[in-house]
């Protein structure tokens, strides 16, 4: 079955960096576009970044453009999100997602807290 496991979250000071990972299994990772979402307390889940199956095309929310970079390693079945210049408003649970056969599959999420 499809399994997505996020890691790499934690507590970081404003201006700091984190790199999130999402290990995928149960499907042919290289065939599917992937995305990162986040959900802050009291807010709806929002799209942060997306990447095509080959990694050639990426898209970002305006709020993270120029600070975050989505990438993937199809040989390792792993999705990444490099987050630089973090701000307190980036605090959220971050999820990776794949849409496969018209179904959305989510990981359990990893907490990112940006605070001094």
PDB file of N, CA and C in Angstrom:
ATOM      1  N   UNK A   1       0.842  -1.185   0.000  1.00  0.00           N
ATOM      2  CA  UNK A   1       0.000   0.000   0.000  1.00  0.00           C
ATOM      3  C   UNK A   1       0.882   1.241   0.000  1.00  0.00           C
ATOM      4  N   UNK A   2       0.281   2.348  -0.411  1.00  0.00           N
ATOM      5  CA  UNK A   2       1.016   3.605  -0.461  1.00  0.00           C
ATOM      6  C   UNK A   2       1.385   4.042   0.951  1.00  0.00           C
ATOM      7  N   UNK A   3       2.639   4.387   1.115  1.00  0.00           N
ATOM      8  CA  UNK A   3       3.101   4.891   2.402  1.00  0.00           C
ATOM      9  C   UNK A   3       4.017   6.084   2.166  1.00  0.00           C
ATOM     10  N   UNK A   4       3.759   7.161   2.903  1.00  0.00           N
ATOM     11  CA  UNK A   4       4.570   8.376   2.852  1.00  0.00           C
ATOM     12  C   UNK A   4       4.980   8.708   4.276  1.00  0.00           C
ATOM     13  N   UNK A   5       6.276   8.870   4.490  1.00  0.00           N
ATOM     14  CA  UNK A   5       6.782   9.135   5.830  1.00  0.00           C
ATOM     15  C   UNK A   5       7.661  10.379   5.789  1.00  0.00           C
ATOM     16  N   UNK A   6       7.175  11.441   6.433  1.00  0.00           N
ATOM     17  CA  UNK A   6       7.929  12.698   6.495  1.00  0.00           C
ATOM     18  C   UNK A   6       8.892  12.696   7.677  1.00  0.00           C
ATOM     19  N   UNK A   7       9.968  13.449   7.528  1.00  0.00           N
ATOM     20  CA  UNK A   7      10.930  13.635   8.605  1.00  0.00           C
ATOM     21  C   UNK A   7      11.662  14.953   8.389  1.00  0.00           C
ATOM     22  N   UNK A   8      12.388  15.380   9.407  1.00  0.00           N
ATOM     23  CA  UNK A   8      13.225  16.565   9.279  1.00  0.00           C
ATOM     24  C   UNK A   8      12.690  17.820   9.935  1.00  0.00           C
ATOM     25  N   UNK A   9      11.502  17.751  10.478  1.00  0.00           N
ATOM     26  CA  UNK A   9      10.959  18.926  11.148  1.00  0.00           C
ATOM     27  C   UNK A   9      11.656  19.193  12.468  1.00  0.00           C
ATOM     28  N   UNK A  10      11.293  20.315  13.080  1.00  0.00           N
ATOM     29  CA  UNK A  10      11.877  20.665  14.365  1.00  0.00           C
ATOM     30  C   UNK A  10      11.680  22.119  14.694  1.00  0.00           C
ATOM     31  N   UNK A  11      12.391  22.557  15.722  1.00  0.00           N
ATOM     32  CA  UNK A  11      12.350  23.946  16.174  1.00  0.00           C
ATOM     33  C   UNK A  11      13.552  24.683  15.594  1.00  0.00           C
ATOM     34  N   UNK A  12      13.299  25.815  14.966  1.00  0.00           N
ATOM     35  CA  UNK A  12      14.378  26.599  14.365  1.00  0.00           C
ATOM     36  C   UNK A  12      14.107  28.080  14.603  1.00  0.00           C
ATOM     37  N   UNK A  13      15.165  28.855  14.709  1.00  0.00           N
ATOM     38  CA  UNK A  13      15.018  30.297  14.907  1.00  0.00           C
ATOM     39  C   UNK A  13      14.669  30.980  13.586  1.00  0.00           C
ATOM     40  N   UNK A  14      14.015  32.124  13.662  1.00  0.00           N
ATOM     41  CA  UNK A  14      13.750  32.892  12.432  1.00  0.00           C
ATOM     42  C   UNK A  14      15.033  33.132  11.654  1.00  0.00           C
ATOM     43  N   UNK A  15      14.941  32.972  10.344  1.00  0.00           N
ATOM     44  CA  UNK A  15      16.106  33.093   9.494  1.00  0.00           C
ATOM     45  C   UNK A  15      16.862  31.797   9.283  1.00  0.00           C
ATOM     46  N   UNK A  16      16.497  30.776  10.029  1.00  0.00           N
ATOM     47  CA  UNK A  16      17.184  29.496   9.917  1.00  0.00           C
ATOM     48  C   UNK A  16      16.679  28.649   8.763  1.00  0.00           C
ATOM     49  N   UNK A  17      17.218  27.437   8.687  1.00  0.00           N
ATOM     50  CA  UNK A  17      16.899  26.521   7.599  1.00  0.00           C
ATOM     51  C   UNK A  17      16.565  25.136   8.141  1.00  0.00           C
ATOM     52  N   UNK A  18      15.740  24.438   7.379  1.00  0.00           N
ATOM     53  CA  UNK A  18      15.436  23.028   7.632  1.00  0.00           C
ATOM     54  C   UNK A  18      15.275  22.336   6.287  1.00  0.00           C
ATOM     55  N   UNK A  19      15.555  21.040   6.280  1.00  0.00           N
ATOM     56  CA  UNK A  19      15.307  20.234   5.094  1.00  0.00           C
ATOM     57  C   UNK A  19      14.387  19.083   5.470  1.00  0.00           C
ATOM     58  N   UNK A  20      13.209  19.088   4.870  1.00  0.00           N
ATOM     59  CA  UNK A  20      12.257  18.010   5.100  1.00  0.00           C
ATOM     60  C   UNK A  20      12.449  16.911   4.058  1.00  0.00           C
ATOM     61  N   UNK A  21      12.180  15.688   4.477  1.00  0.00           N
ATOM     62  CA  UNK A  21      12.223  14.542   3.572  1.00  0.00           C
ATOM     63  C   UNK A  21      10.899  13.801   3.645  1.00  0.00           C
ATOM     64  N   UNK A  22      10.552  13.148   2.556  1.00  0.00           N
ATOM     65  CA  UNK A  22       9.358  12.307   2.499  1.00  0.00           C
ATOM     66  C   UNK A  22       9.749  11.018   1.798  1.00  0.00           C
ATOM     67  N   UNK A  23       9.811   9.931   2.551  1.00  0.00           N
ATOM     68  CA  UNK A  23      10.154   8.628   1.986  1.00  0.00           C
ATOM     69  C   UNK A  23       8.884   7.942   1.502  1.00  0.00           C
ATOM     70  N   UNK A  24       8.886   7.556   0.241  1.00  0.00           N
ATOM     71  CA  UNK A  24       7.693   6.977  -0.379  1.00  0.00           C
ATOM     72  C   UNK A  24       7.888   5.488  -0.651  1.00  0.00           C
ATOM     73  N   UNK A  25       6.812   4.740  -0.525  1.00  0.00           N
ATOM     74  CA  UNK A  25       6.832   3.314  -0.842  1.00  0.00           C
ATOM     75  C   UNK A  25       5.429   2.859  -1.218  1.00  0.00           C
ATOM     76  N   UNK A  26       5.353   1.687  -1.866  1.00  0.00           N
ATOM     77  CA  UNK A  26       4.057   1.122  -2.217  1.00  0.00           C
ATOM     78  C   UNK A  26       3.529   1.547  -3.577  1.00  0.00           C
ATOM     79  N   UNK A  27       4.300   2.347  -4.287  1.00  0.00           N
ATOM     80  CA  UNK A  27       3.919   2.757  -5.635  1.00  0.00           C
ATOM     81  C   UNK A  27       5.184   3.140  -6.396  1.00  0.00           C
ATOM     82  N   UNK A  28       5.063   3.295  -7.710  1.00  0.00           N
ATOM     83  CA  UNK A  28       6.211   3.648  -8.529  1.00  0.00           C
ATOM     84  C   UNK A  28       6.420   5.150  -8.454  1.00  0.00           C
ATOM     85  N   UNK A  29       7.279   5.533  -7.533  1.00  0.00           N
ATOM     86  CA  UNK A  29       7.485   6.944  -7.174  1.00  0.00           C
ATOM     87  C   UNK A  29       7.789   7.804  -8.404  1.00  0.00           C
ATOM     88  N   UNK A  30       8.616   7.307  -9.297  1.00  0.00           N
ATOM     89  CA  UNK A  30       9.075   8.110 -10.431  1.00  0.00           C
ATOM     90  C   UNK A  30       7.974   8.408 -11.441  1.00  0.00           C
ATOM     91  N   UNK A  31       6.814   7.794 -11.283  1.00  0.00           N
ATOM     92  CA  UNK A  31       5.711   8.014 -12.227  1.00  0.00           C
ATOM     93  C   UNK A  31       4.753   9.121 -11.805  1.00  0.00           C
ATOM     94  N   UNK A  32       4.932   9.658 -10.599  1.00  0.00           N
ATOM     95  CA  UNK A  32       3.920  10.550 -10.037  1.00  0.00           C
ATOM     96  C   UNK A  32       4.475  11.899  -9.615  1.00  0.00           C
ATOM     97  N   UNK A  33       3.683  12.942  -9.911  1.00  0.00           N
ATOM     98  CA  UNK A  33       3.955  14.240  -9.326  1.00  0.00           C
ATOM     99  C   UNK A  33       3.748  14.153  -7.819  1.00  0.00           C
ATOM    100  N   UNK A  34       4.466  14.998  -7.110  1.00  0.00           N
ATOM    101  CA  UNK A  34       4.390  15.022  -5.653  1.00  0.00           C
ATOM    102  C   UNK A  34       4.220  16.458  -5.178  1.00  0.00           C
ATOM    103  N   UNK A  35       3.751  16.605  -3.965  1.00  0.00           N
ATOM    104  CA  UNK A  35       3.573  17.952  -3.439  1.00  0.00           C
ATOM    105  C   UNK A  35       3.765  17.989  -1.927  1.00  0.00           C
ATOM    106  N   UNK A  36       4.061  19.183  -1.459  1.00  0.00           N
ATOM    107  CA  UNK A  36       4.138  19.474  -0.025  1.00  0.00           C
ATOM    108  C   UNK A  36       2.993  20.426   0.328  1.00  0.00           C
ATOM    109  N   UNK A  37       2.334  20.135   1.432  1.00  0.00           N
ATOM    110  CA  UNK A  37       1.304  20.995   1.992  1.00  0.00           C
ATOM    111  C   UNK A  37       1.697  21.325   3.429  1.00  0.00           C
ATOM    112  N   UNK A  38       1.040  22.316   3.983  1.00  0.00           N
ATOM    113  CA  UNK A  38       1.214  22.613   5.404  1.00  0.00           C
ATOM    114  C   UNK A  38      -0.114  23.062   6.000  1.00  0.00           C
ATOM    115  N   UNK A  39      -0.206  22.860   7.307  1.00  0.00           N
ATOM    116  CA  UNK A  39      -1.401  23.287   8.030  1.00  0.00           C
ATOM    117  C   UNK A  39      -0.985  23.895   9.356  1.00  0.00           C
ATOM    118  N   UNK A  40      -1.286  25.178   9.502  1.00  0.00           N
ATOM    119  CA  UNK A  40      -1.025  25.885  10.750  1.00  0.00           C
ATOM    120  C   UNK A  40      -2.247  25.765  11.655  1.00  0.00           C
ATOM    121  N   UNK A  41      -2.055  25.926  12.966  1.00  0.00           N
ATOM    122  CA  UNK A  41      -3.184  25.817  13.896  1.00  0.00           C
ATOM    123  C   UNK A  41      -4.309  26.779  13.524  1.00  0.00           C
ATOM    124  N   UNK A  42      -5.512  26.252  13.440  1.00  0.00           N
ATOM    125  CA  UNK A  42      -6.669  27.077  13.150  1.00  0.00           C
ATOM    126  C   UNK A  42      -6.818  27.482  11.703  1.00  0.00           C
ATOM    127  N   UNK A  43      -5.956  26.961  10.844  1.00  0.00           N
ATOM    128  CA  UNK A  43      -6.015  27.317   9.425  1.00  0.00           C
ATOM    129  C   UNK A  43      -6.221  26.075   8.572  1.00  0.00           C
ATOM    130  N   UNK A  44      -6.652  26.316   7.338  1.00  0.00           N
ATOM    131  CA  UNK A  44      -6.812  25.204   6.410  1.00  0.00           C
ATOM    132  C   UNK A  44      -5.465  24.750   5.870  1.00  0.00           C
ATOM    133  N   UNK A  45      -5.434  23.501   5.441  1.00  0.00           N
ATOM    134  CA  UNK A  45      -4.223  22.984   4.820  1.00  0.00           C
ATOM    135  C   UNK A  45      -4.007  23.699   3.487  1.00  0.00           C
ATOM    136  N   UNK A  46      -2.761  24.090   3.214  1.00  0.00           N
ATOM    137  CA  UNK A  46      -2.473  24.833   2.004  1.00  0.00           C
ATOM    138  C   UNK A  46      -1.308  24.217   1.243  1.00  0.00           C
ATOM    139  N   UNK A  47      -1.360  24.366  -0.076  1.00  0.00           N
ATOM    140  CA  UNK A  47      -0.276  23.874  -0.924  1.00  0.00           C
ATOM    141  C   UNK A  47       0.942  24.767  -0.776  1.00  0.00           C
ATOM    142  N   UNK A  48       2.083  24.138  -0.563  1.00  0.00           N
ATOM    143  CA  UNK A  48       3.345  24.864  -0.438  1.00  0.00           C
ATOM    144  C   UNK A  48       4.142  24.788  -1.734  1.00  0.00           C
ATOM    145  N   UNK A  49       4.302  23.565  -2.263  1.00  0.00           N
ATOM    146  CA  UNK A  49       5.111  23.377  -3.467  1.00  0.00           C
ATOM    147  C   UNK A  49       4.732  22.057  -4.117  1.00  0.00           C
ATOM    148  N   UNK A  50       4.967  21.994  -5.427  1.00  0.00           N
ATOM    149  CA  UNK A  50       4.677  20.773  -6.172  1.00  0.00           C
ATOM    150  C   UNK A  50       5.777  20.539  -7.196  1.00  0.00           C
ATOM    151  N   UNK A  51       5.932  19.282  -7.590  1.00  0.00           N
ATOM    152  CA  UNK A  51       6.987  18.925  -8.530  1.00  0.00           C
ATOM    153  C   UNK A  51       6.476  17.805  -9.428  1.00  0.00           C
ATOM    154  N   UNK A  52       6.823  17.880 -10.711  1.00  0.00           N
ATOM    155  CA  UNK A  52       6.398  16.841 -11.635  1.00  0.00           C
ATOM    156  C   UNK A  52       7.190  15.554 -11.406  1.00  0.00           C
ATOM    157  N   UNK A  53       6.757  14.501 -12.077  1.00  0.00           N
ATOM    158  CA  UNK A  53       7.361  13.188 -11.850  1.00  0.00           C
ATOM    159  C   UNK A  53       8.857  13.158 -12.188  1.00  0.00           C
ATOM    160  N   UNK A  54       9.247  13.939 -13.205  1.00  0.00           N
ATOM    161  CA  UNK A  54      10.656  13.964 -13.597  1.00  0.00           C
ATOM    162  C   UNK A  54      11.468  14.975 -12.794  1.00  0.00           C
ATOM    163  N   UNK A  55      10.764  15.877 -12.126  1.00  0.00           N
ATOM    164  CA  UNK A  55      11.453  16.927 -11.385  1.00  0.00           C
ATOM    165  C   UNK A  55      11.772  18.150 -12.203  1.00  0.00           C
ATOM    166  N   UNK A  56      11.380  18.147 -13.475  1.00  0.00           N
ATOM    167  CA  UNK A  56      11.752  19.271 -14.341  1.00  0.00           C
ATOM    168  C   UNK A  56      10.945  20.531 -14.062  1.00  0.00           C
ATOM    169  N   UNK A  57       9.721  20.361 -13.565  1.00  0.00           N
ATOM    170  CA  UNK A  57       8.855  21.515 -13.342  1.00  0.00           C
ATOM    171  C   UNK A  57       8.432  21.569 -11.885  1.00  0.00           C
ATOM    172  N   UNK A  58       8.529  22.759 -11.318  1.00  0.00           N
ATOM    173  CA  UNK A  58       8.121  22.976  -9.932  1.00  0.00           C
ATOM    174  C   UNK A  58       7.215  24.191  -9.839  1.00  0.00           C
ATOM    175  N   UNK A  59       6.396  24.218  -8.808  1.00  0.00           N
ATOM    176  CA  UNK A  59       5.518  25.351  -8.524  1.00  0.00           C
ATOM    177  C   UNK A  59       5.522  25.627  -7.039  1.00  0.00           C
ATOM    178  N   UNK A  60       5.366  26.910  -6.690  1.00  0.00           N
ATOM    179  CA  UNK A  60       5.430  27.313  -5.293  1.00  0.00           C
ATOM    180  C   UNK A  60       4.303  28.279  -4.947  1.00  0.00           C
ATOM    181  N   UNK A  61       3.891  28.213  -3.696  1.00  0.00           N
ATOM    182  CA  UNK A  61       3.005  29.255  -3.184  1.00  0.00           C
ATOM    183  C   UNK A  61       3.776  30.568  -3.146  1.00  0.00           C
ATOM    184  N   UNK A  62       3.073  31.655  -3.374  1.00  0.00           N
ATOM    185  CA  UNK A  62       3.734  32.958  -3.376  1.00  0.00           C
ATOM    186  C   UNK A  62       4.464  33.231  -2.063  1.00  0.00           C
ATOM    187  N   UNK A  63       3.922  32.722  -0.981  1.00  0.00           N
ATOM    188  CA  UNK A  63       4.476  33.011   0.342  1.00  0.00           C
ATOM    189  C   UNK A  63       5.850  32.365   0.575  1.00  0.00           C
ATOM    190  N   UNK A  64       6.212  31.374  -0.242  1.00  0.00           N
ATOM    191  CA  UNK A  64       7.489  30.675  -0.026  1.00  0.00           C
ATOM    192  C   UNK A  64       8.440  30.817  -1.211  1.00  0.00           C
ATOM    193  N   UNK A  65       8.004  31.456  -2.283  1.00  0.00           N
ATOM    194  CA  UNK A  65       8.864  31.599  -3.463  1.00  0.00           C
ATOM    195  C   UNK A  65      10.160  32.294  -3.098  1.00  0.00           C
ATOM    196  N   UNK A  66      11.264  31.745  -3.594  1.00  0.00           N
ATOM    197  CA  UNK A  66      12.570  32.320  -3.333  1.00  0.00           C
ATOM    198  C   UNK A  66      13.192  31.859  -2.023  1.00  0.00           C
ATOM    199  N   UNK A  67      12.406  31.185  -1.177  1.00  0.00           N
ATOM    200  CA  UNK A  67      12.929  30.706   0.119  1.00  0.00           C
ATOM    201  C   UNK A  67      12.934  29.176   0.207  1.00  0.00           C
ATOM    202  N   UNK A  68      11.949  28.546  -0.401  1.00  0.00           N
ATOM    203  CA  UNK A  68      11.810  27.087  -0.342  1.00  0.00           C
ATOM    204  C   UNK A  68      12.149  26.483  -1.705  1.00  0.00           C
ATOM    205  N   UNK A  69      12.696  25.266  -1.673  1.00  0.00           N
ATOM    206  CA  UNK A  69      12.988  24.533  -2.897  1.00  0.00           C
ATOM    207  C   UNK A  69      12.525  23.095  -2.758  1.00  0.00           C
ATOM    208  N   UNK A  70      11.661  22.675  -3.676  1.00  0.00           N
ATOM    209  CA  UNK A  70      11.204  21.291  -3.704  1.00  0.00           C
ATOM    210  C   UNK A  70      12.080  20.520  -4.685  1.00  0.00           C
ATOM    211  N   UNK A  71      12.403  19.290  -4.322  1.00  0.00           N
ATOM    212  CA  UNK A  71      13.209  18.443  -5.203  1.00  0.00           C
ATOM    213  C   UNK A  71      12.880  16.992  -4.920  1.00  0.00           C
ATOM    214  N   UNK A  72      13.394  16.116  -5.754  1.00  0.00           N
ATOM    215  CA  UNK A  72      13.140  14.688  -5.566  1.00  0.00           C
ATOM    216  C   UNK A  72      14.321  13.882  -6.063  1.00  0.00           C
ATOM    217  N   UNK A  73      14.473  12.704  -5.474  1.00  0.00           N
ATOM    218  CA  UNK A  73      15.476  11.750  -5.920  1.00  0.00           C
ATOM    219  C   UNK A  73      14.718  10.469  -6.246  1.00  0.00           C
ATOM    220  N   UNK A  74      14.467  10.242  -7.515  1.00  0.00           N
ATOM    221  CA  UNK A  74      13.657   9.089  -7.914  1.00  0.00           C
ATOM    222  C   UNK A  74      14.377   7.765  -7.660  1.00  0.00           C
ATOM    223  N   UNK A  75      15.694   7.796  -7.598  1.00  0.00           N
ATOM    224  CA  UNK A  75      16.441   6.574  -7.295  1.00  0.00           C
ATOM    225  C   UNK A  75      16.259   6.166  -5.834  1.00  0.00           C
ATOM    226  N   UNK A  76      15.986   7.163  -4.988  1.00  0.00           N
ATOM    227  CA  UNK A  76      15.824   6.897  -3.559  1.00  0.00           C
ATOM    228  C   UNK A  76      14.364   6.952  -3.116  1.00  0.00           C
ATOM    229  N   UNK A  77      13.452   7.189  -4.066  1.00  0.00           N
ATOM    230  CA  UNK A  77      12.023   7.287  -3.733  1.00  0.00           C
ATOM    231  C   UNK A  77      11.775   8.311  -2.623  1.00  0.00           C
ATOM    232  N   UNK A  78      12.425   9.438  -2.749  1.00  0.00           N
ATOM    233  CA  UNK A  78      12.353  10.444  -1.698  1.00  0.00           C
ATOM    234  C   UNK A  78      12.097  11.827  -2.269  1.00  0.00           C
ATOM    235  N   UNK A  79      11.216  12.534  -1.585  1.00  0.00           N
ATOM    236  CA  UNK A  79      10.865  13.921  -1.897  1.00  0.00           C
ATOM    237  C   UNK A  79      11.479  14.809  -0.827  1.00  0.00           C
ATOM    238  N   UNK A  80      11.923  16.006  -1.232  1.00  0.00           N
ATOM    239  CA  UNK A  80      12.561  16.930  -0.288  1.00  0.00           C
ATOM    240  C   UNK A  80      11.911  18.302  -0.338  1.00  0.00           C
ATOM    241  N   UNK A  81      12.065  19.020   0.767  1.00  0.00           N
ATOM    242  CA  UNK A  81      11.702  20.439   0.789  1.00  0.00           C
ATOM    243  C   UNK A  81      12.788  21.159   1.581  1.00  0.00           C
ATOM    244  N   UNK A  82      13.608  21.923   0.873  1.00  0.00           N
ATOM    245  CA  UNK A  82      14.625  22.756   1.517  1.00  0.00           C
ATOM    246  C   UNK A  82      13.986  24.092   1.862  1.00  0.00           C
ATOM    247  N   UNK A  83      14.018  24.437   3.129  1.00  0.00           N
ATOM    248  CA  UNK A  83      13.375  25.665   3.600  1.00  0.00           C
ATOM    249  C   UNK A  83      14.433  26.583   4.189  1.00  0.00           C
ATOM    250  N   UNK A  84      14.621  27.728   3.571  1.00  0.00           N
ATOM    251  CA  UNK A  84      15.582  28.722   4.028  1.00  0.00           C
ATOM    252  C   UNK A  84      14.865  29.998   4.460  1.00  0.00           C
ATOM    253  N   UNK A  85      15.569  30.840   5.180  1.00  0.00           N
ATOM    254  CA  UNK A  85      15.023  32.131   5.626  1.00  0.00           C
ATOM    255  C   UNK A  85      13.649  31.945   6.270  1.00  0.00           C
ATOM    256  N   UNK A  86      13.568  30.996   7.173  1.00  0.00           N
ATOM    257  CA  UNK A  86      12.281  30.663   7.778  1.00  0.00           C
ATOM    258  C   UNK A  86      11.746  31.811   8.619  1.00  0.00           C
ATOM    259  N   UNK A  87      10.421  31.925   8.596  1.00  0.00           N
ATOM    260  CA  UNK A  87       9.718  32.972   9.330  1.00  0.00           C
ATOM    261  C   UNK A  87       8.754  32.325  10.324  1.00  0.00           C
ATOM    262  N   UNK A  88       8.375  33.057  11.363  1.00  0.00           N
ATOM    263  CA  UNK A  88       7.401  32.490  12.312  1.00  0.00           C
ATOM    264  C   UNK A  88       6.109  32.027  11.632  1.00  0.00           C
ATOM    265  N   UNK A  89       5.709  32.704  10.576  1.00  0.00           N
ATOM    266  CA  UNK A  89       4.481  32.313   9.889  1.00  0.00           C
ATOM    267  C   UNK A  89       4.627  31.022   9.088  1.00  0.00           C
ATOM    268  N   UNK A  90       5.820  30.475   9.004  1.00  0.00           N
ATOM    269  CA  UNK A  90       6.017  29.164   8.378  1.00  0.00           C
ATOM    270  C   UNK A  90       5.725  28.023   9.359  1.00  0.00           C
ATOM    271  N   UNK A  91       5.478  28.354  10.608  1.00  0.00           N
ATOM    272  CA  UNK A  91       5.166  27.337  11.610  1.00  0.00           C
ATOM    273  C   UNK A  91       3.910  26.578  11.225  1.00  0.00           C
ATOM    274  N   UNK A  92       4.020  25.261  11.136  1.00  0.00           N
ATOM    275  CA  UNK A  92       2.908  24.425  10.691  1.00  0.00           C
ATOM    276  C   UNK A  92       3.338  22.963  10.734  1.00  0.00           C
ATOM    277  N   UNK A  93       2.369  22.089  10.540  1.00  0.00           N
ATOM    278  CA  UNK A  93       2.673  20.690  10.247  1.00  0.00           C
ATOM    279  C   UNK A  93       2.774  20.566   8.735  1.00  0.00           C
ATOM    280  N   UNK A  94       3.853  19.980   8.268  1.00  0.00           N
ATOM    281  CA  UNK A  94       4.115  19.830   6.839  1.00  0.00           C
ATOM    282  C   UNK A  94       3.853  18.386   6.420  1.00  0.00           C
ATOM    283  N   UNK A  95       3.124  18.253   5.307  1.00  0.00           N
ATOM    284  CA  UNK A  95       2.720  16.952   4.792  1.00  0.00           C
ATOM    285  C   UNK A  95       3.177  16.795   3.343  1.00  0.00           C
ATOM    286  N   UNK A  96       3.564  15.587   2.974  1.00  0.00           N
ATOM    287  CA  UNK A  96       3.728  15.298   1.557  1.00  0.00           C
ATOM    288  C   UNK A  96       2.498  14.541   1.073  1.00  0.00           C
ATOM    289  N   UNK A  97       2.238  14.673  -0.218  1.00  0.00           N
ATOM    290  CA  UNK A  97       1.044  14.090  -0.793  1.00  0.00           C
ATOM    291  C   UNK A  97       1.304  13.575  -2.193  1.00  0.00           C
ATOM    292  N   UNK A  98       0.653  12.476  -2.515  1.00  0.00           N
ATOM    293  CA  UNK A  98       0.641  11.970  -3.884  1.00  0.00           C
ATOM    294  C   UNK A  98      -0.812  11.689  -4.277  1.00  0.00           C
ATOM    295  N   UNK A  99      -1.145  12.043  -5.513  1.00  0.00           N
ATOM    296  CA  UNK A  99      -2.455  11.694  -6.059  1.00  0.00           C
ATOM    297  C   UNK A  99      -2.259  10.523  -7.003  1.00  0.00           C
ATOM    298  N   UNK A 100      -2.888   9.422  -6.677  1.00  0.00           N
ATOM    299  CA  UNK A 100      -2.719   8.194  -7.450  1.00  0.00           C
ATOM    300  C   UNK A 100      -4.082   7.574  -7.675  1.00  0.00           C
ATOM    301  N   UNK A 101      -4.416   7.323  -8.930  1.00  0.00           N
ATOM    302  CA  UNK A 101      -5.709   6.720  -9.263  1.00  0.00           C
ATOM    303  C   UNK A 101      -6.864   7.494  -8.636  1.00  0.00           C
ATOM    304  N   UNK A 102      -6.799   8.826  -8.749  1.00  0.00           N
ATOM    305  CA  UNK A 102      -7.843   9.739  -8.279  1.00  0.00           C
ATOM    306  C   UNK A 102      -7.989   9.763  -6.764  1.00  0.00           C
ATOM    307  N   UNK A 103      -7.055   9.139  -6.048  1.00  0.00           N
ATOM    308  CA  UNK A 103      -7.062   9.202  -4.588  1.00  0.00           C
ATOM    309  C   UNK A 103      -5.845   9.975  -4.104  1.00  0.00           C
ATOM    310  N   UNK A 104      -6.049  10.755  -3.055  1.00  0.00           N
ATOM    311  CA  UNK A 104      -4.942  11.478  -2.420  1.00  0.00           C
ATOM    312  C   UNK A 104      -4.425  10.686  -1.231  1.00  0.00           C
ATOM    313  N   UNK A 105      -3.095  10.527  -1.179  1.00  0.00           N
ATOM    314  CA  UNK A 105      -2.453   9.837  -0.068  1.00  0.00           C
ATOM    315  C   UNK A 105      -1.534  10.828   0.647  1.00  0.00           C
ATOM    316  N   UNK A 106      -1.619  10.819   1.965  1.00  0.00           N
ATOM    317  CA  UNK A 106      -0.888  11.768   2.793  1.00  0.00           C
ATOM    318  C   UNK A 106       0.023  11.039   3.769  1.00  0.00           C
ATOM    319  N   UNK A 107       1.130  11.694   4.108  1.00  0.00           N
ATOM    320  CA  UNK A 107       1.940  11.217   5.205  1.00  0.00           C
ATOM    321  C   UNK A 107       1.342  11.662   6.527  1.00  0.00           C
ATOM    322  N   UNK A 108       2.040  11.342   7.614  1.00  0.00           N
ATOM    323  CA  UNK A 108       1.533  11.673   8.949  1.00  0.00           C
ATOM    324  C   UNK A 108       1.884  13.101   9.341  1.00  0.00           C
ATOM    325  N   UNK A 109       2.790  13.715   8.593  1.00  0.00           N
ATOM    326  CA  UNK A 109       3.176  15.092   8.856  1.00  0.00           C
ATOM    327  C   UNK A 109       4.391  15.208   9.769  1.00  0.00           C
ATOM    328  N   UNK A 110       5.073  16.339   9.627  1.00  0.00           N
ATOM    329  CA  UNK A 110       6.206  16.658  10.501  1.00  0.00           C
ATOM    330  C   UNK A 110       6.071  18.111  10.948  1.00  0.00           C
ATOM    331  N   UNK A 111       6.251  18.344  12.231  1.00  0.00           N
ATOM    332  CA  UNK A 111       6.042  19.679  12.792  1.00  0.00           C
ATOM    333  C   UNK A 111       7.255  20.567  12.545  1.00  0.00           C
ATOM    334  N   UNK A 112       7.005  21.758  12.040  1.00  0.00           N
ATOM    335  CA  UNK A 112       8.031  22.788  11.900  1.00  0.00           C
ATOM    336  C   UNK A 112       7.602  23.977  12.752  1.00  0.00           C
ATOM    337  N   UNK A 113       8.460  24.367  13.670  1.00  0.00           N
ATOM    338  CA  UNK A 113       8.184  25.513  14.537  1.00  0.00           C
ATOM    339  C   UNK A 113       9.312  26.525  14.383  1.00  0.00           C
ATOM    340  N   UNK A 114       8.951  27.742  14.001  1.00  0.00           N
ATOM    341  CA  UNK A 114       9.923  28.814  13.824  1.00  0.00           C
ATOM    342  C   UNK A 114       9.689  29.834  14.924  1.00  0.00           C
ATOM    343  N   UNK A 115      10.630  29.897  15.843  1.00  0.00           N
ATOM    344  CA  UNK A 115      10.456  30.757  17.009  1.00  0.00           C
ATOM    345  C   UNK A 115      11.813  31.068  17.618  1.00  0.00           C
ATOM    346  N   UNK A 116      11.912  32.262  18.187  1.00  0.00           N
ATOM    347  CA  UNK A 116      13.128  32.624  18.895  1.00  0.00           C
ATOM    348  C   UNK A 116      13.000  32.305  20.377  1.00  0.00           C
TER     349      UNK A 116
END
